[in-house]
Amino acid sequence: MNEQNPKVFISYSHDSDEHKKWVLNLATKLRRHGVDAILDQWDLRIGQDFLWNKELIVLN
């Protein structure tokens, strides 16, 4: 994605697998339409600090 594309960080509740799949589908559609969608399922790795990672995303 280039710097001209809008960027969104998707925050959601992990209350069910169905909801996680719905959010993944939304993020995938956004990326297909040129939005730099940031999703924990893609961008956060096991052991990473979620809050620190979120701050980095907001600052960039």
C-alpha atoms as a PDB file:
ATOM      1  CA  MET A   1       0.000   0.000   0.000  1.00  0.00           C
ATOM      2  CA  ASN A   2       1.227   3.494  -0.686  1.00  0.00           C
ATOM      3  CA  GLU A   3       0.975   6.555   1.542  1.00  0.00           C
ATOM      4  CA  GLN A   4      -2.005   7.892  -0.387  1.00  0.00           C
ATOM      5  CA  ASN A   5      -4.193   4.984   0.694  1.00  0.00           C
ATOM      6  CA  PRO A   6      -6.302   5.476   3.815  1.00  0.00           C
ATOM      7  CA  LYS A   7      -5.213   3.435   6.829  1.00  0.00           C
ATOM      8  CA  VAL A   8      -7.540   1.865   9.394  1.00  0.00           C
ATOM      9  CA  PHE A   9      -6.864  -0.130  12.532  1.00  0.00           C
ATOM     10  CA  ILE A  10      -9.673  -2.592  13.166  1.00  0.00           C
ATOM     11  CA  SER A  11     -10.442  -3.166  16.827  1.00  0.00           C
ATOM     12  CA  TYR A  12     -13.069  -5.731  17.722  1.00  0.00           C
ATOM     13  CA  SER A  13     -14.180  -8.168  20.411  1.00  0.00           C
ATOM     14  CA  HIS A  14     -12.956 -11.736  20.132  1.00  0.00           C
ATOM     15  CA  ASP A  15     -16.222 -13.145  21.423  1.00  0.00           C
ATOM     16  CA  SER A  16     -16.714 -15.893  18.836  1.00  0.00           C
ATOM     17  CA  ASP A  17     -15.025 -17.534  15.883  1.00  0.00           C
ATOM     18  CA  GLU A  18     -17.928 -16.402  13.697  1.00  0.00           C
ATOM     19  CA  HIS A  19     -17.284 -12.772  14.643  1.00  0.00           C
ATOM     20  CA  LYS A  20     -13.534 -13.129  14.008  1.00  0.00           C
ATOM     21  CA  LYS A  21     -14.291 -14.519  10.543  1.00  0.00           C
ATOM     22  CA  TRP A  22     -16.696 -11.644   9.854  1.00  0.00           C
ATOM     23  CA  VAL A  23     -14.020  -9.094  10.810  1.00  0.00           C
ATOM     24  CA  LEU A  24     -11.413 -10.915   8.690  1.00  0.00           C
ATOM     25  CA  ASN A  25     -13.797 -10.756   5.721  1.00  0.00           C
ATOM     26  CA  LEU A  26     -14.360  -7.030   6.276  1.00  0.00           C
ATOM     27  CA  ALA A  27     -10.612  -6.329   6.474  1.00  0.00           C
ATOM     28  CA  THR A  28      -9.981  -8.368   3.323  1.00  0.00           C
ATOM     29  CA  LYS A  29     -12.636  -6.414   1.420  1.00  0.00           C
ATOM     30  CA  LEU A  30     -11.188  -3.117   2.626  1.00  0.00           C
ATOM     31  CA  ARG A  31      -7.712  -4.098   1.400  1.00  0.00           C
ATOM     32  CA  ARG A  32      -9.138  -5.104  -1.986  1.00  0.00           C
ATOM     33  CA  HIS A  33     -10.569  -1.601  -2.262  1.00  0.00           C
ATOM     34  CA  GLY A  34      -7.286   0.155  -1.448  1.00  0.00           C
ATOM     35  CA  VAL A  35      -7.600   0.656   2.287  1.00  0.00           C
ATOM     36  CA  ASP A  36      -4.541  -0.265   4.374  1.00  0.00           C
ATOM     37  CA  ALA A  37      -6.499  -2.305   6.917  1.00  0.00           C
ATOM     38  CA  ILE A  38      -4.487  -3.308   9.982  1.00  0.00           C
ATOM     39  CA  LEU A  39      -5.827  -6.377  11.718  1.00  0.00           C
ATOM     40  CA  ASP A  40      -4.389  -8.325  14.632  1.00  0.00           C
ATOM     41  CA  GLN A  41      -4.931 -11.583  12.747  1.00  0.00           C
ATOM     42  CA  TRP A  42      -2.395 -10.334  10.181  1.00  0.00           C
ATOM     43  CA  ASP A  43      -0.182  -7.875  12.039  1.00  0.00           C
ATOM     44  CA  LEU A  44       0.165  -9.047  15.643  1.00  0.00           C
ATOM     45  CA  ARG A  45       2.324 -12.035  16.475  1.00  0.00           C
ATOM     46  CA  ILE A  46       2.282 -14.266  19.542  1.00  0.00           C
ATOM     47  CA  GLY A  47       4.219 -12.600  22.325  1.00  0.00           C
ATOM     48  CA  GLN A  48       3.906  -9.070  20.962  1.00  0.00           C
ATOM     49  CA  ASP A  49       2.528  -6.401  23.271  1.00  0.00           C
ATOM     50  CA  PHE A  50      -0.904  -5.485  21.888  1.00  0.00           C
ATOM     51  CA  LEU A  51      -1.040  -1.983  23.406  1.00  0.00           C
ATOM     52  CA  TRP A  52       2.503  -1.097  22.295  1.00  0.00           C
ATOM     53  CA  ASN A  53       1.760  -2.345  18.789  1.00  0.00           C
ATOM     54  CA  LYS A  54      -1.430  -0.267  18.689  1.00  0.00           C
ATOM     55  CA  GLU A  55       0.513   2.874  19.667  1.00  0.00           C
ATOM     56  CA  LEU A  56       3.027   2.303  16.858  1.00  0.00           C
ATOM     57  CA  ILE A  57       0.204   1.955  14.348  1.00  0.00           C
ATOM     58  CA  VAL A  58      -1.449   5.183  15.490  1.00  0.00           C
ATOM     59  CA  LEU A  59       1.841   7.093  15.351  1.00  0.00           C
ATOM     60  CA  ASN A  60       2.552   5.933  11.817  1.00  0.00           C
END
